[in-house]
Amino acid sequence: VVMGAAFGQPTIPVDTHVYRVSHRLGLSQGKTPDDVERD
C-alpha cells in the first residue's frame, strides 16, 4: 500500500476484500494472499 500510494509503484496489495473478490470473480484461485497477488 505504501509503495503504491506514496511512491507510485505498480503494486497490488491483497487484503481480505481483494482476496475474496478475486476468488469470486474467477481472477485467481490462489490459496494465499501472495498467490493472489502473483495471479
PDB file of all heavy atoms in Angstrom:
ATOM      1  N   VAL A   1       0.837  -1.205   0.000  1.00  0.00           N
ATOM      2  CA  VAL A   1       0.000   0.000   0.000  1.00  0.00           C
ATOM      3  C   VAL A   1       0.870   1.252   0.000  1.00  0.00           C
ATOM      4  O   VAL A   1       0.644   2.188  -0.773  1.00  0.00           O
ATOM      5  CB  VAL A   1      -0.949   0.014   1.212  1.00  0.00           C
ATOM      6  CG1 VAL A   1      -1.685   1.358   1.296  1.00  0.00           C
ATOM      7  CG2 VAL A   1      -1.964  -1.118   1.122  1.00  0.00           C
ATOM      8  N   VAL A   2       1.880   1.273   0.862  1.00  0.00           N
ATOM      9  CA  VAL A   2       2.759   2.440   0.952  1.00  0.00           C
ATOM     10  C   VAL A   2       3.534   2.627  -0.355  1.00  0.00           C
ATOM     11  O   VAL A   2       3.646   3.758  -0.865  1.00  0.00           O
ATOM     12  CB  VAL A   2       3.719   2.294   2.144  1.00  0.00           C
ATOM     13  CG1 VAL A   2       4.763   3.409   2.144  1.00  0.00           C
ATOM     14  CG2 VAL A   2       2.937   2.295   3.451  1.00  0.00           C
ATOM     15  N   MET A   3       4.069   1.546  -0.895  1.00  0.00           N
ATOM     16  CA  MET A   3       4.829   1.647  -2.146  1.00  0.00           C
ATOM     17  C   MET A   3       3.949   2.150  -3.286  1.00  0.00           C
ATOM     18  O   MET A   3       4.391   2.943  -4.127  1.00  0.00           O
ATOM     19  CB  MET A   3       5.425   0.286  -2.495  1.00  0.00           C
ATOM     20  CG  MET A   3       6.568  -0.132  -1.566  1.00  0.00           C
ATOM     21  SD  MET A   3       6.934  -1.905  -1.648  1.00  0.00           S
ATOM     22  CE  MET A   3       7.417  -2.072  -3.382  1.00  0.00           C
ATOM     23  N   GLY A   4       2.695   1.712  -3.317  1.00  0.00           N
ATOM     24  CA  GLY A   4       1.794   2.128  -4.389  1.00  0.00           C
ATOM     25  C   GLY A   4       1.269   3.538  -4.216  1.00  0.00           C
ATOM     26  O   GLY A   4       1.318   4.353  -5.139  1.00  0.00           O
ATOM     27  N   ALA A   5       0.746   3.840  -3.018  1.00  0.00           N
ATOM     28  CA  ALA A   5       0.098   5.129  -2.795  1.00  0.00           C
ATOM     29  C   ALA A   5       1.088   6.267  -2.598  1.00  0.00           C
ATOM     30  O   ALA A   5       0.863   7.386  -3.055  1.00  0.00           O
ATOM     31  CB  ALA A   5      -0.836   5.038  -1.585  1.00  0.00           C
ATOM     32  N   ALA A   6       2.190   6.008  -1.915  1.00  0.00           N
ATOM     33  CA  ALA A   6       3.143   7.077  -1.604  1.00  0.00           C
ATOM     34  C   ALA A   6       4.207   7.250  -2.684  1.00  0.00           C
ATOM     35  O   ALA A   6       4.701   8.348  -2.899  1.00  0.00           O
ATOM     36  CB  ALA A   6       3.813   6.808  -0.258  1.00  0.00           C
ATOM     37  N   PHE A   7       4.570   6.142  -3.358  1.00  0.00           N
ATOM     38  CA  PHE A   7       5.697   6.197  -4.288  1.00  0.00           C
ATOM     39  C   PHE A   7       5.340   5.793  -5.718  1.00  0.00           C
ATOM     40  O   PHE A   7       6.220   5.704  -6.566  1.00  0.00           O
ATOM     41  CB  PHE A   7       6.831   5.306  -3.760  1.00  0.00           C
ATOM     42  CG  PHE A   7       7.315   5.720  -2.391  1.00  0.00           C
ATOM     43  CD1 PHE A   7       7.060   4.931  -1.282  1.00  0.00           C
ATOM     44  CD2 PHE A   7       7.995   6.909  -2.211  1.00  0.00           C
ATOM     45  CE1 PHE A   7       7.492   5.301  -0.014  1.00  0.00           C
ATOM     46  CE2 PHE A   7       8.437   7.304  -0.954  1.00  0.00           C
ATOM     47  CZ  PHE A   7       8.186   6.495   0.152  1.00  0.00           C
ATOM     48  N   GLY A   8       4.063   5.565  -5.986  1.00  0.00           N
ATOM     49  CA  GLY A   8       3.608   5.319  -7.344  1.00  0.00           C
ATOM     50  C   GLY A   8       4.100   4.039  -7.979  1.00  0.00           C
ATOM     51  O   GLY A   8       4.198   3.940  -9.202  1.00  0.00           O
ATOM     52  N   GLN A   9       4.399   3.044  -7.169  1.00  0.00           N
ATOM     53  CA  GLN A   9       4.892   1.784  -7.704  1.00  0.00           C
ATOM     54  C   GLN A   9       3.734   0.848  -8.060  1.00  0.00           C
ATOM     55  O   GLN A   9       2.668   0.915  -7.451  1.00  0.00           O
ATOM     56  CB  GLN A   9       5.843   1.133  -6.703  1.00  0.00           C
ATOM     57  CG  GLN A   9       7.076   1.985  -6.425  1.00  0.00           C
ATOM     58  CD  GLN A   9       8.065   1.295  -5.491  1.00  0.00           C
ATOM     59  OE1 GLN A   9       8.153   0.085  -5.446  1.00  0.00           O
ATOM     60  NE2 GLN A   9       8.818   2.082  -4.735  1.00  0.00           N
ATOM     61  N   PRO A  10       3.917  -0.028  -9.051  1.00  0.00           N
ATOM     62  CA  PRO A  10       2.826  -0.876  -9.555  1.00  0.00           C
ATOM     63  C   PRO A  10       2.567  -2.094  -8.670  1.00  0.00           C
ATOM     64  O   PRO A  10       2.773  -3.237  -9.079  1.00  0.00           O
ATOM     65  CB  PRO A  10       3.322  -1.285 -10.943  1.00  0.00           C
ATOM     66  CG  PRO A  10       4.805  -1.327 -10.807  1.00  0.00           C
ATOM     67  CD  PRO A  10       5.151  -0.190  -9.864  1.00  0.00           C
ATOM     68  N   THR A  11       2.132  -1.847  -7.461  1.00  0.00           N
ATOM     69  CA  THR A  11       1.887  -2.936  -6.516  1.00  0.00           C
ATOM     70  C   THR A  11       0.407  -3.319  -6.479  1.00  0.00           C
ATOM     71  O   THR A  11      -0.464  -2.524  -6.858  1.00  0.00           O
ATOM     72  CB  THR A  11       2.323  -2.531  -5.104  1.00  0.00           C
ATOM     73  OG1 THR A  11       1.574  -1.368  -4.693  1.00  0.00           O
ATOM     74  CG2 THR A  11       3.810  -2.210  -5.063  1.00  0.00           C
ATOM     75  N   ILE A  12       0.126  -4.516  -5.992  1.00  0.00           N
ATOM     76  CA  ILE A  12      -1.251  -4.956  -5.787  1.00  0.00           C
ATOM     77  C   ILE A  12      -1.372  -5.507  -4.364  1.00  0.00           C
ATOM     78  O   ILE A  12      -1.174  -6.699  -4.130  1.00  0.00           O
ATOM     79  CB  ILE A  12      -1.684  -6.020  -6.812  1.00  0.00           C
ATOM     80  CG1 ILE A  12      -1.550  -5.490  -8.243  1.00  0.00           C
ATOM     81  CG2 ILE A  12      -3.143  -6.440  -6.554  1.00  0.00           C
ATOM     82  CD1 ILE A  12      -2.046  -6.438  -9.301  1.00  0.00           C
ATOM     83  N   PRO A  13      -1.667  -4.652  -3.394  1.00  0.00           N
ATOM     84  CA  PRO A  13      -1.866  -5.135  -2.036  1.00  0.00           C
ATOM     85  C   PRO A  13      -3.096  -6.041  -1.979  1.00  0.00           C
ATOM     86  O   PRO A  13      -4.137  -5.725  -2.561  1.00  0.00           O
ATOM     87  CB  PRO A  13      -2.099  -3.851  -1.227  1.00  0.00           C
ATOM     88  CG  PRO A  13      -1.567  -2.741  -2.095  1.00  0.00           C
ATOM     89  CD  PRO A  13      -1.785  -3.185  -3.499  1.00  0.00           C
ATOM     90  N   VAL A  14      -2.982  -7.147  -1.295  1.00  0.00           N
ATOM     91  CA  VAL A  14      -4.099  -8.091  -1.190  1.00  0.00           C
ATOM     92  C   VAL A  14      -4.564  -8.157   0.256  1.00  0.00           C
ATOM     93  O   VAL A  14      -3.887  -8.728   1.111  1.00  0.00           O
ATOM     94  CB  VAL A  14      -3.692  -9.489  -1.691  1.00  0.00           C
ATOM     95  CG1 VAL A  14      -4.848 -10.480  -1.505  1.00  0.00           C
ATOM     96  CG2 VAL A  14      -3.285  -9.435  -3.167  1.00  0.00           C
ATOM     97  N   ASP A  15      -5.720  -7.534   0.520  1.00  0.00           N
ATOM     98  CA  ASP A  15      -6.343  -7.645   1.831  1.00  0.00           C
ATOM     99  C   ASP A  15      -7.490  -8.644   1.736  1.00  0.00           C
ATOM    100  O   ASP A  15      -7.629  -9.359   0.747  1.00  0.00           O
ATOM    101  CB  ASP A  15      -6.827  -6.277   2.311  1.00  0.00           C
ATOM    102  CG  ASP A  15      -7.963  -5.722   1.456  1.00  0.00           C
ATOM    103  OD1 ASP A  15      -8.324  -6.346   0.426  1.00  0.00           O
ATOM    104  OD2 ASP A  15      -8.510  -4.664   1.827  1.00  0.00           O
ATOM    105  N   THR A  16      -8.331  -8.709   2.763  1.00  0.00           N
ATOM    106  CA  THR A  16      -9.416  -9.693   2.754  1.00  0.00           C
ATOM    107  C   THR A  16     -10.414  -9.428   1.627  1.00  0.00           C
ATOM    108  O   THR A  16     -10.948 -10.379   1.049  1.00  0.00           O
ATOM    109  CB  THR A  16     -10.155  -9.691   4.103  1.00  0.00           C
ATOM    110  OG1 THR A  16     -10.615  -8.360   4.404  1.00  0.00           O
ATOM    111  CG2 THR A  16      -9.235 -10.148   5.219  1.00  0.00           C
ATOM    112  N   HIS A  17     -10.674  -8.150   1.324  1.00  0.00           N
ATOM    113  CA  HIS A  17     -11.605  -7.834   0.238  1.00  0.00           C
ATOM    114  C   HIS A  17     -11.049  -8.279  -1.114  1.00  0.00           C
ATOM    115  O   HIS A  17     -11.746  -8.911  -1.911  1.00  0.00           O
ATOM    116  CB  HIS A  17     -11.887  -6.330   0.201  1.00  0.00           C
ATOM    117  CG  HIS A  17     -12.613  -5.810   1.397  1.00  0.00           C
ATOM    118  ND1 HIS A  17     -13.857  -6.250   1.775  1.00  0.00           N
ATOM    119  CD2 HIS A  17     -12.259  -4.865   2.308  1.00  0.00           C
ATOM    120  CE1 HIS A  17     -14.250  -5.599   2.860  1.00  0.00           C
ATOM    121  NE2 HIS A  17     -13.291  -4.760   3.209  1.00  0.00           N
ATOM    122  N   VAL A  18      -9.810  -7.923  -1.383  1.00  0.00           N
ATOM    123  CA  VAL A  18      -9.197  -8.280  -2.664  1.00  0.00           C
ATOM    124  C   VAL A  18      -9.105  -9.791  -2.807  1.00  0.00           C
ATOM    125  O   VAL A  18      -9.380 -10.347  -3.873  1.00  0.00           O
ATOM    126  CB  VAL A  18      -7.803  -7.631  -2.800  1.00  0.00           C
ATOM    127  CG1 VAL A  18      -7.112  -8.103  -4.085  1.00  0.00           C
ATOM    128  CG2 VAL A  18      -7.927  -6.104  -2.798  1.00  0.00           C
ATOM    129  N   TYR A  19      -8.764 -10.462  -1.730  1.00  0.00           N
ATOM    130  CA  TYR A  19      -8.664 -11.926  -1.753  1.00  0.00           C
ATOM    131  C   TYR A  19     -10.020 -12.553  -2.068  1.00  0.00           C
ATOM    132  O   TYR A  19     -10.135 -13.405  -2.955  1.00  0.00           O
ATOM    133  CB  TYR A  19      -8.154 -12.417  -0.400  1.00  0.00           C
ATOM    134  CG  TYR A  19      -7.901 -13.911  -0.322  1.00  0.00           C
ATOM    135  CD1 TYR A  19      -6.682 -14.448  -0.687  1.00  0.00           C
ATOM    136  CD2 TYR A  19      -8.902 -14.787   0.123  1.00  0.00           C
ATOM    137  CE1 TYR A  19      -6.437 -15.819  -0.618  1.00  0.00           C
ATOM    138  CE2 TYR A  19      -8.682 -16.148   0.198  1.00  0.00           C
ATOM    139  CZ  TYR A  19      -7.446 -16.657  -0.171  1.00  0.00           C
ATOM    140  OH  TYR A  19      -7.221 -18.013  -0.106  1.00  0.00           O
ATOM    141  N   ARG A  20     -11.053 -12.114  -1.364  1.00  0.00           N
ATOM    142  CA  ARG A  20     -12.399 -12.682  -1.541  1.00  0.00           C
ATOM    143  C   ARG A  20     -12.953 -12.412  -2.935  1.00  0.00           C
ATOM    144  O   ARG A  20     -13.430 -13.317  -3.622  1.00  0.00           O
ATOM    145  CB  ARG A  20     -13.343 -12.090  -0.490  1.00  0.00           C
ATOM    146  CG  ARG A  20     -14.776 -12.591  -0.598  1.00  0.00           C
ATOM    147  CD  ARG A  20     -15.690 -11.936   0.424  1.00  0.00           C
ATOM    148  NE  ARG A  20     -15.963 -10.531   0.146  1.00  0.00           N
ATOM    149  CZ  ARG A  20     -15.454  -9.520   0.808  1.00  0.00           C
ATOM    150  NH1 ARG A  20     -14.600  -9.727   1.793  1.00  0.00           N
ATOM    151  NH2 ARG A  20     -15.769  -8.275   0.486  1.00  0.00           N
ATOM    152  N   VAL A  21     -12.892 -11.163  -3.369  1.00  0.00           N
ATOM    153  CA  VAL A  21     -13.486 -10.790  -4.654  1.00  0.00           C
ATOM    154  C   VAL A  21     -12.737 -11.423  -5.818  1.00  0.00           C
ATOM    155  O   VAL A  21     -13.350 -11.849  -6.804  1.00  0.00           O
ATOM    156  CB  VAL A  21     -13.533  -9.253  -4.791  1.00  0.00           C
ATOM    157  CG1 VAL A  21     -14.023  -8.849  -6.170  1.00  0.00           C
ATOM    158  CG2 VAL A  21     -14.433  -8.656  -3.711  1.00  0.00           C
ATOM    159  N   SER A  22     -11.424 -11.524  -5.707  1.00  0.00           N
ATOM    160  CA  SER A  22     -10.643 -12.156  -6.769  1.00  0.00           C
ATOM    161  C   SER A  22     -11.060 -13.606  -6.966  1.00  0.00           C
ATOM    162  O   SER A  22     -11.140 -14.098  -8.100  1.00  0.00           O
ATOM    163  CB  SER A  22      -9.148 -12.075  -6.455  1.00  0.00           C
ATOM    164  OG  SER A  22      -8.704 -10.732  -6.440  1.00  0.00           O
ATOM    165  N   HIS A  23     -11.341 -14.295  -5.875  1.00  0.00           N
ATOM    166  CA  HIS A  23     -11.802 -15.674  -5.975  1.00  0.00           C
ATOM    167  C   HIS A  23     -13.204 -15.756  -6.556  1.00  0.00           C
ATOM    168  O   HIS A  23     -13.487 -16.590  -7.421  1.00  0.00           O
ATOM    169  CB  HIS A  23     -11.758 -16.345  -4.598  1.00  0.00           C
ATOM    170  CG  HIS A  23     -10.398 -16.833  -4.220  1.00  0.00           C
ATOM    171  ND1 HIS A  23      -9.423 -15.995  -3.718  1.00  0.00           N
ATOM    172  CD2 HIS A  23      -9.843 -18.065  -4.279  1.00  0.00           C
ATOM    173  CE1 HIS A  23      -8.323 -16.708  -3.479  1.00  0.00           C
ATOM    174  NE2 HIS A  23      -8.553 -17.955  -3.807  1.00  0.00           N
ATOM    175  N   ARG A  24     -14.097 -14.903  -6.090  1.00  0.00           N
ATOM    176  CA  ARG A  24     -15.477 -14.938  -6.589  1.00  0.00           C
ATOM    177  C   ARG A  24     -15.541 -14.637  -8.077  1.00  0.00           C
ATOM    178  O   ARG A  24     -16.265 -15.290  -8.824  1.00  0.00           O
ATOM    179  CB  ARG A  24     -16.338 -13.936  -5.819  1.00  0.00           C
ATOM    180  CG  ARG A  24     -16.710 -14.381  -4.410  1.00  0.00           C
ATOM    181  CD  ARG A  24     -17.544 -13.310  -3.719  1.00  0.00           C
ATOM    182  NE  ARG A  24     -18.005 -13.756  -2.404  1.00  0.00           N
ATOM    183  CZ  ARG A  24     -18.640 -12.976  -1.534  1.00  0.00           C
ATOM    184  NH1 ARG A  24     -18.857 -11.692  -1.855  1.00  0.00           N
ATOM    185  NH2 ARG A  24     -19.030 -13.448  -0.370  1.00  0.00           N
ATOM    186  N   LEU A  25     -14.772 -13.637  -8.499  1.00  0.00           N
ATOM    187  CA  LEU A  25     -14.800 -13.253  -9.914  1.00  0.00           C
ATOM    188  C   LEU A  25     -14.143 -14.292 -10.802  1.00  0.00           C
ATOM    189  O   LEU A  25     -14.447 -14.374 -11.995  1.00  0.00           O
ATOM    190  CB  LEU A  25     -14.090 -11.907 -10.105  1.00  0.00           C
ATOM    191  CG  LEU A  25     -14.781 -10.671  -9.526  1.00  0.00           C
ATOM    192  CD1 LEU A  25     -13.885  -9.452  -9.683  1.00  0.00           C
ATOM    193  CD2 LEU A  25     -16.128 -10.433 -10.202  1.00  0.00           C
ATOM    194  N   GLY A  26     -13.246 -15.080 -10.237  1.00  0.00           N
ATOM    195  CA  GLY A  26     -12.500 -16.039 -11.044  1.00  0.00           C
ATOM    196  C   GLY A  26     -11.194 -15.470 -11.553  1.00  0.00           C
ATOM    197  O   GLY A  26     -10.620 -15.974 -12.515  1.00  0.00           O
ATOM    198  N   LEU A  27     -10.691 -14.428 -10.873  1.00  0.00           N
ATOM    199  CA  LEU A  27      -9.419 -13.832 -11.269  1.00  0.00           C
ATOM    200  C   LEU A  27      -8.240 -14.611 -10.701  1.00  0.00           C
ATOM    201  O   LEU A  27      -7.128 -14.528 -11.219  1.00  0.00           O
ATOM    202  CB  LEU A  27      -9.352 -12.381 -10.792  1.00  0.00           C
ATOM    203  CG  LEU A  27     -10.418 -11.438 -11.357  1.00  0.00           C
ATOM    204  CD1 LEU A  27     -10.263 -10.044 -10.754  1.00  0.00           C
ATOM    205  CD2 LEU A  27     -10.343 -11.377 -12.871  1.00  0.00           C
ATOM    206  N   SER A  28      -8.487 -15.342  -9.634  1.00  0.00           N
ATOM    207  CA  SER A  28      -7.429 -16.132  -9.007  1.00  0.00           C
ATOM    208  C   SER A  28      -8.047 -17.250  -8.178  1.00  0.00           C
ATOM    209  O   SER A  28      -9.140 -17.085  -7.626  1.00  0.00           O
ATOM    210  CB  SER A  28      -6.559 -15.254  -8.099  1.00  0.00           C
ATOM    211  OG  SER A  28      -5.636 -16.033  -7.365  1.00  0.00           O
ATOM    212  N   GLN A  29      -7.342 -18.347  -8.121  1.00  0.00           N
ATOM    213  CA  GLN A  29      -7.708 -19.427  -7.217  1.00  0.00           C
ATOM    214  C   GLN A  29      -6.593 -19.657  -6.202  1.00  0.00           C
ATOM    215  O   GLN A  29      -6.496 -20.720  -5.592  1.00  0.00           O
ATOM    216  CB  GLN A  29      -7.984 -20.719  -8.009  1.00  0.00           C
ATOM    217  CG  GLN A  29      -9.173 -20.612  -8.961  1.00  0.00           C
ATOM    218  CD  GLN A  29     -10.461 -20.238  -8.231  1.00  0.00           C
ATOM    219  OE1 GLN A  29     -10.784 -20.807  -7.192  1.00  0.00           O
ATOM    220  NE2 GLN A  29     -11.191 -19.268  -8.782  1.00  0.00           N
ATOM    221  N   GLY A  30      -5.728 -18.662  -6.063  1.00  0.00           N
ATOM    222  CA  GLY A  30      -4.593 -18.770  -5.157  1.00  0.00           C
ATOM    223  C   GLY A  30      -5.016 -19.052  -3.732  1.00  0.00           C
ATOM    224  O   GLY A  30      -6.005 -18.503  -3.250  1.00  0.00           O
ATOM    225  N   LYS A  31      -4.257 -19.881  -3.055  1.00  0.00           N
ATOM    226  CA  LYS A  31      -4.608 -20.278  -1.698  1.00  0.00           C
ATOM    227  C   LYS A  31      -4.137 -19.285  -0.643  1.00  0.00           C
ATOM    228  O   LYS A  31      -4.604 -19.324   0.492  1.00  0.00           O
ATOM    229  CB  LYS A  31      -4.035 -21.669  -1.415  1.00  0.00           C
ATOM    230  CG  LYS A  31      -4.664 -22.769  -2.263  1.00  0.00           C
ATOM    231  CD  LYS A  31      -4.099 -24.138  -1.896  1.00  0.00           C
ATOM    232  CE  LYS A  31      -4.763 -25.230  -2.737  1.00  0.00           C
ATOM    233  NZ  LYS A  31      -4.239 -26.580  -2.391  1.00  0.00           N
ATOM    234  N   THR A  32      -3.219 -18.416  -1.001  1.00  0.00           N
ATOM    235  CA  THR A  32      -2.705 -17.426  -0.060  1.00  0.00           C
ATOM    236  C   THR A  32      -2.779 -16.037  -0.696  1.00  0.00           C
ATOM    237  O   THR A  32      -2.878 -15.910  -1.930  1.00  0.00           O
ATOM    238  CB  THR A  32      -1.243 -17.717   0.305  1.00  0.00           C
ATOM    239  OG1 THR A  32      -0.413 -17.486  -0.847  1.00  0.00           O
ATOM    240  CG2 THR A  32      -1.073 -19.164   0.780  1.00  0.00           C
ATOM    241  N   PRO A  33      -2.710 -14.980   0.125  1.00  0.00           N
ATOM    242  CA  PRO A  33      -2.664 -13.632  -0.441  1.00  0.00           C
ATOM    243  C   PRO A  33      -1.503 -13.445  -1.416  1.00  0.00           C
ATOM    244  O   PRO A  33      -1.662 -12.763  -2.435  1.00  0.00           O
ATOM    245  CB  PRO A  33      -2.509 -12.745   0.796  1.00  0.00           C
ATOM    246  CG  PRO A  33      -3.170 -13.517   1.887  1.00  0.00           C
ATOM    247  CD  PRO A  33      -2.844 -14.948   1.605  1.00  0.00           C
ATOM    248  N   ASP A  34      -0.360 -14.045  -1.132  1.00  0.00           N
ATOM    249  CA  ASP A  34       0.776 -13.933  -2.050  1.00  0.00           C
ATOM    250  C   ASP A  34       0.458 -14.583  -3.394  1.00  0.00           C
ATOM    251  O   ASP A  34       0.849 -14.069  -4.450  1.00  0.00           O
ATOM    252  CB  ASP A  34       2.015 -14.590  -1.445  1.00  0.00           C
ATOM    253  CG  ASP A  34       2.614 -13.775  -0.305  1.00  0.00           C
ATOM    254  OD1 ASP A  34       2.102 -12.675  -0.025  1.00  0.00           O
ATOM    255  OD2 ASP A  34       3.584 -14.254   0.306  1.00  0.00           O
ATOM    256  N   ASP A  35      -0.242 -15.715  -3.373  1.00  0.00           N
ATOM    257  CA  ASP A  35      -0.642 -16.382  -4.615  1.00  0.00           C
ATOM    258  C   ASP A  35      -1.566 -15.477  -5.426  1.00  0.00           C
ATOM    259  O   ASP A  35      -1.423 -15.356  -6.651  1.00  0.00           O
ATOM    260  CB  ASP A  35      -1.367 -17.700  -4.319  1.00  0.00           C
ATOM    261  CG  ASP A  35      -0.464 -18.754  -3.713  1.00  0.00           C
ATOM    262  OD1 ASP A  35       0.769 -18.669  -3.905  1.00  0.00           O
ATOM    263  OD2 ASP A  35      -0.990 -19.668  -3.040  1.00  0.00           O
ATOM    264  N   VAL A  36      -2.536 -14.866  -4.750  1.00  0.00           N
ATOM    265  CA  VAL A  36      -3.476 -13.977  -5.432  1.00  0.00           C
ATOM    266  C   VAL A  36      -2.743 -12.769  -6.009  1.00  0.00           C
ATOM    267  O   VAL A  36      -3.000 -12.358  -7.149  1.00  0.00           O
ATOM    268  CB  VAL A  36      -4.590 -13.518  -4.468  1.00  0.00           C
ATOM    269  CG1 VAL A  36      -5.479 -12.460  -5.124  1.00  0.00           C
ATOM    270  CG2 VAL A  36      -5.435 -14.709  -4.019  1.00  0.00           C
ATOM    271  N   GLU A  37      -1.816 -12.223  -5.245  1.00  0.00           N
ATOM    272  CA  GLU A  37      -1.024 -11.089  -5.733  1.00  0.00           C
ATOM    273  C   GLU A  37      -0.275 -11.457  -7.013  1.00  0.00           C
ATOM    274  O   GLU A  37      -0.251 -10.681  -7.980  1.00  0.00           O
ATOM    275  CB  GLU A  37      -0.041 -10.634  -4.656  1.00  0.00           C
ATOM    276  CG  GLU A  37       0.811  -9.445  -5.069  1.00  0.00           C
ATOM    277  CD  GLU A  37       1.869  -9.088  -4.040  1.00  0.00           C
ATOM    278  OE1 GLU A  37       1.718  -9.459  -2.862  1.00  0.00           O
ATOM    279  OE2 GLU A  37       2.864  -8.432  -4.424  1.00  0.00           O
ATOM    280  N   ARG A  38       0.319 -12.632  -7.035  1.00  0.00           N
ATOM    281  CA  ARG A  38       1.054 -13.069  -8.228  1.00  0.00           C
ATOM    282  C   ARG A  38       0.116 -13.242  -9.419  1.00  0.00           C
ATOM    283  O   ARG A  38       0.448 -12.838 -10.547  1.00  0.00           O
ATOM    284  CB  ARG A  38       1.799 -14.371  -7.944  1.00  0.00           C
ATOM    285  CG  ARG A  38       3.093 -14.194  -7.180  1.00  0.00           C
ATOM    286  CD  ARG A  38       3.918 -15.467  -7.142  1.00  0.00           C
ATOM    287  NE  ARG A  38       3.298 -16.495  -6.298  1.00  0.00           N
ATOM    288  CZ  ARG A  38       3.553 -16.631  -5.008  1.00  0.00           C
ATOM    289  NH1 ARG A  38       4.397 -15.802  -4.405  1.00  0.00           N
ATOM    290  NH2 ARG A  38       2.965 -17.588  -4.312  1.00  0.00           N
ATOM    291  N   ASP A  39      -1.060 -13.831  -9.197  1.00  0.00           N
ATOM    292  CA  ASP A  39      -2.014 -14.023 -10.295  1.00  0.00           C
ATOM    293  C   ASP A  39      -2.476 -12.685 -10.861  1.00  0.00           C
ATOM    294  O   ASP A  39      -2.516 -12.493 -12.080  1.00  0.00           O
ATOM    295  CB  ASP A  39      -3.231 -14.817  -9.809  1.00  0.00           C
ATOM    296  CG  ASP A  39      -2.916 -16.287  -9.567  1.00  0.00           C
ATOM    297  OD1 ASP A  39      -1.893 -16.765 -10.101  1.00  0.00           O
ATOM    298  OD2 ASP A  39      -3.698 -16.950  -8.855  1.00  0.00           O
TER     299      ASP A  39
END
